[in-house]
Amino acid sequence: MTRIQHIGVLTGGGDCPGMNAALRAIVKAAVCERGIHVTGFLDGFAGLTEDRARPLGFDDVAGIIATGGTMLGTSNRYDPFRVAVEGEGGMRRDCSDAVLATLARRGVDGLVVVGGDGSLRIADRISARGVPVIGVPKTIDNDVAETDVTIGFDSARAIATEAVDRLRSTAASHHRIMVLEVMGRHAGWIALEAGMAGGSDVILLPEIPFGYEAVARGVRDRMCRGRSFSLVVVAEGARSPTAAPWSARSWREAPSRCGWAASQPSWAAPSSNCCRPRSATSPSDTSSVAARRRRPTVSSPRDSGRRRSTRSTTAPGVRWLP
């Protein structure tokens, strides 16, 4: 196998913390440990296709480890295999030959792509054209296969967790139901881990369809236990069983579908049936009354005198945390 003497590197997709640190590590390892020349292509695959690049040496990456974004720039929607043709009504053409020509003209033996699932798919197609490619997984969604943690996910999780923490005090003070939407179109890792770390009451994920009725029932059950607020963390790709995506409008319309009055405040006492204790002879309870372990019941200050049972079973798609 021919020894690689010159590599190209680019960053694709959305920017996130850690991209410059990855570039620094790649350049220092290549230059200092292997004696390999490094060329950085500007603005992702657009710079690779249009032959816009700059040399990268030890001094070029000094001091960028704590700088956000990417020193090379990036392109979020550029695909060299489907480049839009101006003035052709949305027609696209394959410009992958220009990519191979750029690499050949500059004498690049291999390519390092720092990007998420979309960028790595493009890198895989370039690799199929005979170019040695290394992919560095970078995405805040943490949805790259065969990868435990991607670059950018830890920072996104920490920021989302802090947002949950900050909303809790406001929700408790004003007796509100607070809904926090976080990134995650196809994978709900940010919503799941930030919601669990921040102690949210409902977590809605793209992987598990949810129902507004189940969410409303869970919130009412919290009220039955004397809780005057709830925190809901929603991934942007969360969907209802009818495959309709979550939206702020659909959430505002949910109360009318779930039996809530439009003028009813978020802390108002629920209906008399929301926390009705299950009958001892309920057909869904196969255990005997004597052997059943009963949980302690809680009375709401706003509805004293009425016995409260434990929360009812939630529908799939809703994760309840203690």
Protein backbone atom coordinates (compact mmCIF):
# COMPACT_ATOMS: atom_id res chain seq x y z
CA MET A 1 0.00 0.00 0.00
CA THR A 2 1.30 3.46 -0.95
CA ARG A 3 2.14 5.64 2.02
CA ILE A 4 -0.19 8.61 2.39
CA GLN A 5 1.75 11.87 2.27
CA HIS A 6 -0.97 14.47 1.81
CA ILE A 7 -4.49 14.55 3.27
CA GLY A 8 -7.41 16.92 2.94
CA VAL A 9 -9.79 17.80 5.75
CA LEU A 10 -13.18 19.51 5.77
CA THR A 11 -16.06 20.16 8.15
CA GLY A 12 -19.65 19.66 6.99
CA GLY A 13 -23.13 20.13 8.40
CA GLY A 14 -24.10 22.39 11.26
CA ASP A 15 -21.44 23.83 13.52
CA CYS A 16 -21.10 22.67 17.12
CA PRO A 17 -18.59 22.81 19.97
CA GLY A 18 -15.59 20.57 19.43
CA MET A 19 -15.14 20.98 15.67
CA ASN A 20 -12.06 23.18 16.00
CA ALA A 21 -10.66 20.84 18.63
CA ALA A 22 -11.06 17.96 16.17
CA LEU A 23 -9.29 19.94 13.43
CA ARG A 24 -6.46 20.75 15.80
CA ALA A 25 -6.03 17.10 16.75
CA ILE A 26 -6.07 15.96 13.11
CA VAL A 27 -3.47 18.52 12.01
CA LYS A 28 -1.14 18.00 14.95
CA ALA A 29 -1.26 14.22 14.63
CA ALA A 30 -0.66 14.33 10.88
CA VAL A 31 2.06 16.99 10.83
CA CYS A 32 3.93 16.31 14.06
CA GLU A 33 3.67 12.53 14.30
CA ARG A 34 3.45 11.39 10.66
CA GLY A 35 5.00 14.19 8.63
CA ILE A 36 1.86 14.40 6.45
CA HIS A 37 0.88 17.60 4.67
CA VAL A 38 -2.65 18.82 5.42
CA THR A 39 -4.93 20.91 3.24
CA GLY A 40 -8.16 22.32 4.67
CA PHE A 41 -11.08 22.75 2.27
CA LEU A 42 -13.26 25.78 3.00
CA ASP A 43 -17.02 25.65 3.56
CA GLY A 44 -17.37 21.90 3.56
CA PHE A 45 -18.02 20.00 0.35
CA ALA A 46 -18.62 23.27 -1.49
CA GLY A 47 -14.95 24.19 -1.11
CA LEU A 48 -13.93 20.68 -2.13
CA THR A 49 -16.00 20.89 -5.31
CA GLU A 50 -14.94 24.45 -6.18
CA ASP A 51 -11.29 23.95 -5.17
CA ARG A 52 -11.21 26.52 -2.37
CA ALA A 53 -8.65 25.51 0.23
CA ARG A 54 -5.80 26.59 2.48
CA PRO A 55 -2.77 24.76 3.90
CA LEU A 56 -2.93 23.82 7.56
CA GLY A 57 0.16 23.60 9.71
CA PHE A 58 1.03 23.47 13.38
CA ASP A 59 0.80 27.24 13.84
CA ASP A 60 -2.49 27.51 11.94
CA VAL A 61 -4.37 25.48 14.56
CA ALA A 62 -2.70 26.94 17.63
CA GLY A 63 -5.13 28.41 20.15
CA ILE A 64 -8.36 27.21 18.50
CA ILE A 65 -9.14 24.38 20.90
CA ALA A 66 -11.56 26.50 22.94
CA THR A 67 -13.02 28.42 20.00
CA GLY A 68 -16.53 27.50 18.89
CA GLY A 69 -17.58 26.78 15.34
CA THR A 70 -15.06 25.75 12.70
CA MET A 71 -12.10 27.70 11.34
CA LEU A 72 -12.67 26.20 7.87
CA GLY A 73 -16.33 27.16 7.59
CA THR A 74 -19.07 24.71 6.70
CA SER A 75 -22.01 24.14 4.36
CA ASN A 76 -25.12 22.56 5.78
CA ARG A 77 -26.99 21.53 2.61
CA TYR A 78 -24.36 21.23 -0.11
CA ASP A 79 -24.14 17.80 -1.75
CA PRO A 80 -21.63 17.44 -4.63
CA PHE A 81 -23.74 14.61 -6.02
CA ARG A 82 -26.84 16.85 -6.21
CA VAL A 83 -25.78 20.44 -6.95
CA ALA A 84 -28.57 22.86 -7.78
CA VAL A 85 -28.35 24.40 -11.26
CA GLU A 86 -29.16 28.12 -11.24
CA GLY A 87 -32.05 29.15 -13.45
CA GLU A 88 -33.10 25.57 -14.20
CA GLY A 89 -36.16 25.36 -11.98
CA GLY A 90 -34.71 23.21 -9.23
CA MET A 91 -32.78 20.83 -11.47
CA ARG A 92 -29.65 19.23 -9.98
CA ARG A 93 -26.53 17.70 -11.44
CA ASP A 94 -23.75 15.40 -10.31
CA CYS A 95 -20.51 17.30 -9.67
CA SER A 96 -18.59 14.46 -8.04
CA ASP A 97 -16.11 14.45 -10.93
CA ALA A 98 -15.08 17.95 -9.87
CA VAL A 99 -14.34 16.58 -6.39
CA LEU A 100 -12.03 13.91 -7.80
CA ALA A 101 -10.38 16.50 -10.05
CA THR A 102 -9.67 18.80 -7.10
CA LEU A 103 -8.09 15.99 -5.08
CA ALA A 104 -5.97 14.88 -8.03
CA ARG A 105 -4.86 18.43 -8.88
CA ARG A 106 -3.69 19.08 -5.32
CA GLY A 107 -2.13 15.65 -4.89
CA VAL A 108 -4.37 14.70 -1.96
CA ASP A 109 -4.05 10.99 -1.09
CA GLY A 110 -6.91 10.80 1.43
CA LEU A 111 -9.75 12.80 2.89
CA VAL A 112 -10.91 13.36 6.49
CA VAL A 113 -14.53 14.47 6.86
CA VAL A 114 -15.76 15.91 10.17
CA GLY A 115 -19.56 15.79 9.98
CA GLY A 116 -22.86 14.23 10.91
CA ASP A 117 -24.99 11.60 9.24
CA GLY A 118 -25.56 13.62 6.07
CA SER A 119 -21.91 14.56 5.60
CA LEU A 120 -20.78 11.01 6.31
CA ARG A 121 -23.21 9.65 3.70
CA ILE A 122 -21.59 11.93 1.13
CA ALA A 123 -18.15 10.84 2.35
CA ASP A 124 -19.19 7.21 1.87
CA ARG A 125 -20.17 7.91 -1.74
CA ILE A 126 -16.83 9.63 -2.37
CA SER A 127 -15.10 6.62 -0.87
CA ALA A 128 -16.96 4.42 -3.35
CA ARG A 129 -15.26 6.43 -6.12
CA GLY A 130 -11.87 5.18 -4.90
CA VAL A 131 -10.81 7.91 -2.46
CA PRO A 132 -9.55 6.79 1.00
CA VAL A 133 -11.85 8.53 3.50
CA ILE A 134 -11.95 8.76 7.30
CA GLY A 135 -15.16 10.01 8.92
CA VAL A 136 -15.15 11.83 12.26
CA PRO A 137 -18.71 11.73 13.72
CA LYS A 138 -19.93 15.19 14.63
CA THR A 139 -23.56 15.92 15.48
CA ILE A 140 -25.40 17.20 18.53
CA ASP A 141 -28.14 14.61 17.88
CA ASN A 142 -25.77 11.70 18.66
CA ASP A 143 -27.41 9.65 15.90
CA VAL A 144 -24.41 8.27 14.00
CA ALA A 145 -24.40 4.46 13.91
CA GLU A 146 -21.63 2.52 15.68
CA THR A 147 -20.75 5.61 17.73
CA ASP A 148 -21.18 5.97 21.49
CA VAL A 149 -20.90 9.76 21.75
CA THR A 150 -20.50 12.19 18.86
CA ILE A 151 -18.69 15.53 18.91
CA GLY A 152 -21.10 18.22 20.08
CA PHE A 153 -23.59 16.02 21.92
CA ASP A 154 -22.19 16.56 25.40
CA SER A 155 -22.40 20.35 25.07
CA ALA A 156 -25.94 20.19 23.70
CA ARG A 157 -27.04 17.91 26.53
CA ALA A 158 -25.49 20.21 29.16
CA ILE A 159 -27.15 23.33 27.73
CA ALA A 160 -30.56 21.63 27.46
CA THR A 161 -30.26 20.35 31.02
CA GLU A 162 -29.49 23.86 32.25
CA ALA A 163 -32.58 25.12 30.42
CA VAL A 164 -34.74 22.54 32.21
CA ASP A 165 -33.26 23.59 35.54
CA ARG A 166 -33.99 27.25 34.87
CA LEU A 167 -37.57 26.57 33.81
CA ARG A 168 -38.35 24.60 36.95
CA SER A 169 -38.25 27.57 39.31
CA THR A 170 -40.47 29.66 37.02
CA ALA A 171 -42.95 26.83 36.52
CA ALA A 172 -43.18 26.22 40.26
CA SER A 173 -43.56 29.92 41.10
CA HIS A 174 -46.32 30.59 38.57
CA HIS A 175 -47.97 27.15 38.64
CA ARG A 176 -47.38 26.62 34.95
CA ILE A 177 -47.03 23.74 32.55
CA MET A 178 -43.74 24.53 30.79
CA VAL A 179 -42.92 22.92 27.43
CA LEU A 180 -39.28 22.92 26.29
CA GLU A 181 -38.51 21.93 22.70
CA VAL A 182 -34.98 20.71 21.99
CA MET A 183 -33.17 19.53 18.87
CA GLY A 184 -33.61 15.97 17.68
CA ARG A 185 -35.38 15.36 14.38
CA HIS A 186 -34.91 11.60 14.18
CA ALA A 187 -33.18 10.76 17.48
CA GLY A 188 -34.28 11.85 20.94
CA TRP A 189 -31.01 11.59 22.84
CA ILE A 190 -30.92 15.27 23.85
CA ALA A 191 -34.53 15.25 25.06
CA LEU A 192 -34.10 11.94 26.88
CA GLU A 193 -30.88 12.66 28.73
CA ALA A 194 -31.55 16.35 29.41
CA GLY A 195 -35.06 15.53 30.58
CA MET A 196 -33.84 12.82 32.92
CA ALA A 197 -30.98 14.94 34.26
CA GLY A 198 -33.24 17.97 34.76
CA GLY A 199 -36.07 16.02 36.36
CA SER A 200 -38.74 16.71 33.75
CA ASP A 201 -42.14 15.09 34.15
CA VAL A 202 -42.84 14.21 30.50
CA ILE A 203 -40.35 13.35 27.75
CA LEU A 204 -41.55 13.03 24.16
CA LEU A 205 -39.22 11.33 21.67
CA PRO A 206 -39.25 10.84 17.89
CA GLU A 207 -38.73 7.09 18.34
CA ILE A 208 -41.96 6.59 20.31
CA PRO A 209 -45.26 8.09 19.08
CA PHE A 210 -47.18 9.95 21.78
CA GLY A 211 -50.76 10.97 22.43
CA TYR A 212 -51.87 14.35 23.74
CA GLU A 213 -54.49 12.62 25.88
CA ALA A 214 -51.78 10.62 27.65
CA VAL A 215 -49.77 13.76 28.35
CA ALA A 216 -52.83 15.58 29.70
CA ARG A 217 -53.76 12.61 31.86
CA GLY A 218 -50.28 12.52 33.35
CA VAL A 219 -50.33 16.24 34.12
CA ARG A 220 -53.73 15.89 35.80
CA ASP A 221 -52.43 12.99 37.86
CA ARG A 222 -49.58 15.17 39.10
CA MET A 223 -52.14 17.75 40.20
CA CYS A 224 -53.94 15.03 42.10
CA ARG A 225 -50.76 14.44 44.06
CA GLY A 226 -50.54 18.13 44.96
CA ARG A 227 -48.08 19.22 42.26
CA SER A 228 -48.94 22.64 40.84
CA PHE A 229 -46.58 22.57 37.84
CA SER A 230 -45.18 20.22 35.21
CA LEU A 231 -42.17 20.24 32.89
CA VAL A 232 -42.47 18.71 29.42
CA VAL A 233 -39.37 18.18 27.25
CA VAL A 234 -40.14 17.59 23.57
CA ALA A 235 -37.73 16.59 20.81
CA GLU A 236 -38.43 18.51 17.61
CA GLY A 237 -39.20 15.29 15.75
CA ALA A 238 -41.72 13.89 18.27
CA ARG A 239 -44.90 12.67 16.58
CA SER A 240 -48.38 11.65 17.55
CA PRO A 241 -49.76 8.18 16.61
CA THR A 242 -51.25 9.72 13.46
CA ALA A 243 -47.70 10.61 12.31
CA ALA A 244 -48.36 14.34 12.60
CA PRO A 245 -45.23 16.16 13.82
CA TRP A 246 -45.28 18.02 17.12
CA SER A 247 -45.82 21.75 16.78
CA ALA A 248 -46.57 24.68 19.04
CA ARG A 249 -49.96 25.07 17.35
CA SER A 250 -50.94 21.45 17.91
CA TRP A 251 -49.87 21.75 21.54
CA ARG A 252 -52.05 24.85 22.01
CA GLU A 253 -55.00 23.00 20.49
CA ALA A 254 -54.46 19.94 22.67
CA PRO A 255 -56.47 21.17 25.73
CA SER A 256 -59.73 21.27 23.78
CA ARG A 257 -59.16 17.72 22.57
CA CYS A 258 -58.33 16.49 26.05
CA GLY A 259 -61.33 17.99 27.86
CA TRP A 260 -59.67 21.12 29.24
CA ALA A 261 -61.55 24.41 29.21
CA ALA A 262 -59.84 27.16 27.25
CA SER A 263 -60.00 29.55 30.19
CA GLN A 264 -58.89 27.02 32.78
CA PRO A 265 -55.51 27.91 34.32
CA SER A 266 -52.73 25.35 34.29
CA TRP A 267 -52.98 24.73 38.05
CA ALA A 268 -56.77 24.28 38.11
CA ALA A 269 -58.10 21.16 39.79
CA PRO A 270 -58.82 18.33 37.33
CA SER A 271 -62.14 16.65 36.78
CA SER A 272 -63.51 14.23 39.36
CA ASN A 273 -62.68 11.21 37.19
CA CYS A 274 -59.03 11.90 36.51
CA CYS A 275 -57.72 10.22 39.63
CA ARG A 276 -60.57 7.86 40.44
CA PRO A 277 -59.28 4.86 42.47
CA ARG A 278 -59.49 1.57 40.65
CA SER A 279 -62.16 -0.78 41.92
CA ALA A 280 -61.03 -3.81 43.89
CA THR A 281 -62.92 -6.00 41.47
CA SER A 282 -61.56 -4.34 38.35
CA PRO A 283 -61.05 -6.94 35.62
CA SER A 284 -57.63 -5.48 34.83
CA ASP A 285 -56.42 -6.29 38.33
CA THR A 286 -55.85 -10.01 38.62
CA SER A 287 -54.32 -9.96 42.08
CA SER A 288 -56.39 -10.33 45.19
CA VAL A 289 -57.31 -7.35 47.30
CA ALA A 290 -55.48 -8.73 50.32
CA ALA A 291 -52.25 -9.41 48.43
CA ARG A 292 -52.19 -6.11 46.58
CA ARG A 293 -49.56 -3.60 47.68
CA ARG A 294 -51.28 -0.28 48.02
CA ARG A 295 -49.38 2.91 47.51
CA PRO A 296 -50.03 5.83 49.85
CA THR A 297 -52.57 8.32 48.59
CA VAL A 298 -52.24 12.10 48.57
CA SER A 299 -54.94 14.70 49.02
CA SER A 300 -54.77 17.92 47.07
CA PRO A 301 -55.13 21.13 49.12
CA ARG A 302 -57.54 22.44 46.48
CA ASP A 303 -59.76 19.38 46.64
CA SER A 304 -59.61 18.20 50.24
CA GLY A 305 -61.83 15.41 51.37
CA ARG A 306 -61.56 13.42 48.16
CA ARG A 307 -59.32 10.40 48.23
CA ARG A 308 -56.47 10.36 45.73
CA SER A 309 -55.02 7.27 44.14
CA THR A 310 -51.71 6.75 42.41
CA ARG A 311 -51.12 8.01 38.90
CA SER A 312 -52.82 6.13 36.11
CA THR A 313 -50.98 4.13 33.51
CA THR A 314 -49.61 6.31 30.73
CA ALA A 315 -49.76 5.49 27.06
CA PRO A 316 -46.65 4.59 25.06
CA GLY A 317 -44.50 7.56 24.17
CA VAL A 318 -44.60 9.22 27.59
CA ARG A 319 -41.79 8.63 30.05
CA TRP A 320 -42.65 9.42 33.66
CA LEU A 321 -39.88 10.06 36.12
CA PRO A 322 -40.15 10.07 39.91
